[in-house]
Amino acid sequence: MATAVTEENFRDVRLKTVLGRLELIIDNENDRIGKDAMFDLKTSNAHKSRCLYELTMLCRATTPEEFPTGFSSQMKFLKQKLMLNARKLEAHLNAVRTVTDILRSAAQENDGDGTYTQEQFRYSEY
């Protein structure tokens, strides 16, 4: 019986540890995205993905009744942070697309020498 309690405590500690780490990663990403030009989004995403994977593996072998006290409220709070994170990432990607479009247009205009472009002379099949 002592072994079961120890395994339960170990699982609870692991769940709380992963949730805490995931919350820190998401908070850091939410605070720095769009503000810190040196922020490494790829690394942050890898850490976030790893935590979500660990959480999935831990939850897979656990029934809802076995989750630690307060787990449900912590998960709801984490879900809200993830939704904010998704909105911030979407806004960041849209900004990157806009800048890319501006740079592409500027490069195309710069490449033009005042003569006609190949696109203007494309023939359509009739």
Protein backbone atom coordinates (compact mmCIF):
# COMPACT_ATOMS: atom_id res chain seq x y z
CA MET A 1 0.00 0.00 0.00
CA ALA A 2 2.87 2.36 0.76
CA THR A 3 4.15 1.84 -2.77
CA ALA A 4 0.83 2.97 -4.27
CA VAL A 5 0.84 6.13 -2.17
CA THR A 6 4.41 6.86 -3.17
CA GLU A 7 3.59 6.34 -6.86
CA GLU A 8 0.55 8.61 -6.50
CA ASN A 9 2.63 11.31 -4.83
CA PHE A 10 5.30 10.97 -7.51
CA ARG A 11 2.70 11.34 -10.28
CA ASP A 12 1.16 14.36 -8.54
CA VAL A 13 4.57 16.00 -8.17
CA ARG A 14 5.37 15.31 -11.83
CA LEU A 15 2.01 16.75 -12.97
CA LYS A 16 2.47 19.87 -10.88
CA THR A 17 6.08 20.26 -12.05
CA VAL A 18 5.17 19.97 -15.74
CA LEU A 19 2.23 22.34 -15.33
CA GLY A 20 4.41 24.86 -13.51
CA ARG A 21 7.13 24.66 -16.15
CA LEU A 22 4.59 24.99 -18.97
CA GLU A 23 3.02 28.00 -17.27
CA LEU A 24 6.44 29.68 -16.94
CA ILE A 25 7.25 29.04 -20.61
CA ILE A 26 3.90 30.41 -21.78
CA ASP A 27 4.15 33.47 -19.52
CA ASN A 28 7.67 34.17 -20.79
CA GLU A 29 6.56 33.80 -24.41
CA ASN A 30 3.48 35.97 -23.90
CA ASP A 31 5.58 38.68 -22.24
CA ARG A 32 8.36 38.73 -24.83
CA ILE A 33 6.69 38.02 -28.17
CA GLY A 34 6.50 41.17 -30.23
CA LYS A 35 8.58 43.12 -27.70
CA ASP A 36 11.97 41.40 -27.60
CA ALA A 37 13.66 41.19 -30.99
CA MET A 38 16.19 38.68 -29.61
CA PHE A 39 13.49 36.29 -28.33
CA ASP A 40 14.00 32.81 -29.75
CA LEU A 41 10.50 31.73 -30.68
CA LYS A 42 11.67 28.41 -32.10
CA THR A 43 13.33 27.36 -28.84
CA SER A 44 10.39 28.54 -26.78
CA ASN A 45 8.03 26.56 -28.99
CA ALA A 46 10.18 23.44 -28.61
CA HIS A 47 10.08 23.76 -24.81
CA LYS A 48 6.33 24.35 -24.86
CA SER A 49 5.77 21.34 -27.13
CA ARG A 50 7.88 19.16 -24.86
CA CYS A 51 5.87 20.17 -21.80
CA LEU A 52 2.57 19.55 -23.59
CA TYR A 53 3.83 16.13 -24.66
CA GLU A 54 4.89 15.26 -21.09
CA LEU A 55 1.53 16.46 -19.79
CA THR A 56 -0.29 14.31 -22.35
CA MET A 57 1.74 11.25 -21.37
CA LEU A 58 1.10 11.82 -17.67
CA CYS A 59 -2.62 12.38 -18.16
CA ARG A 60 -3.05 9.42 -20.48
CA ALA A 61 -2.46 6.94 -17.66
CA THR A 62 -4.56 8.85 -15.13
CA THR A 63 -8.31 8.82 -14.62
CA PRO A 64 -10.00 12.14 -13.80
CA GLU A 65 -10.61 11.02 -10.20
CA GLU A 66 -6.87 10.47 -9.70
CA PHE A 67 -5.80 14.01 -10.58
CA PRO A 68 -4.41 16.07 -7.70
CA THR A 69 -6.58 18.60 -5.90
CA GLY A 70 -6.70 21.90 -7.77
CA PHE A 71 -5.64 20.30 -11.05
CA SER A 72 -8.89 21.23 -12.81
CA SER A 73 -8.69 24.92 -11.89
CA GLN A 74 -4.99 25.04 -12.82
CA MET A 75 -5.78 23.47 -16.20
CA LYS A 76 -8.55 26.03 -16.85
CA PHE A 77 -6.18 28.87 -16.00
CA LEU A 78 -3.50 27.33 -18.24
CA LYS A 79 -6.04 26.99 -21.06
CA GLN A 80 -6.74 30.74 -20.84
CA LYS A 81 -3.01 31.47 -21.05
CA LEU A 82 -2.68 29.16 -24.05
CA MET A 83 -5.57 30.94 -25.79
CA LEU A 84 -3.85 34.29 -25.21
CA ASN A 85 -0.61 32.75 -26.48
CA ALA A 86 -2.34 31.55 -29.65
CA ARG A 87 -3.74 35.05 -30.30
CA LYS A 88 -0.31 36.65 -29.77
CA LEU A 89 1.38 34.10 -32.05
CA GLU A 90 -1.25 34.67 -34.74
CA ALA A 91 -0.75 38.44 -34.54
CA HIS A 92 3.03 37.95 -34.70
CA LEU A 93 2.76 35.71 -37.77
CA ASN A 94 0.45 38.19 -39.48
CA ALA A 95 2.97 40.97 -38.82
CA VAL A 96 5.78 38.80 -40.24
CA ARG A 97 3.69 38.11 -43.36
CA THR A 98 3.00 41.83 -43.81
CA VAL A 99 6.68 42.73 -43.51
CA THR A 100 7.57 39.93 -45.93
CA ASP A 101 5.04 41.24 -48.46
CA ILE A 102 6.43 44.78 -48.14
CA LEU A 103 10.00 43.56 -48.63
CA ARG A 104 8.99 41.38 -51.60
CA SER A 105 7.22 44.32 -53.26
CA ALA A 106 10.18 46.60 -52.64
CA ALA A 107 12.59 44.04 -54.12
CA GLN A 108 10.40 43.58 -57.19
CA GLU A 109 10.15 47.32 -57.71
CA ASN A 110 13.89 47.67 -57.29
CA ASP A 111 14.55 44.90 -59.82
CA GLY A 112 12.40 46.64 -62.43
CA ASP A 113 14.40 48.71 -64.90
CA GLY A 114 11.44 50.49 -66.43
CA THR A 115 10.83 47.90 -69.14
CA TYR A 116 8.07 45.34 -69.26
CA THR A 117 8.19 42.30 -67.01
CA GLN A 118 7.80 38.69 -68.06
CA GLU A 119 4.43 38.48 -66.26
CA GLN A 120 3.02 41.16 -68.56
CA PHE A 121 3.77 39.05 -71.65
CA ARG A 122 2.42 35.70 -70.55
CA TYR A 123 0.16 34.16 -73.13
CA SER A 124 -2.99 32.39 -72.17
CA GLU A 125 -4.10 29.35 -74.15
CA TYR A 126 -7.30 29.77 -76.11
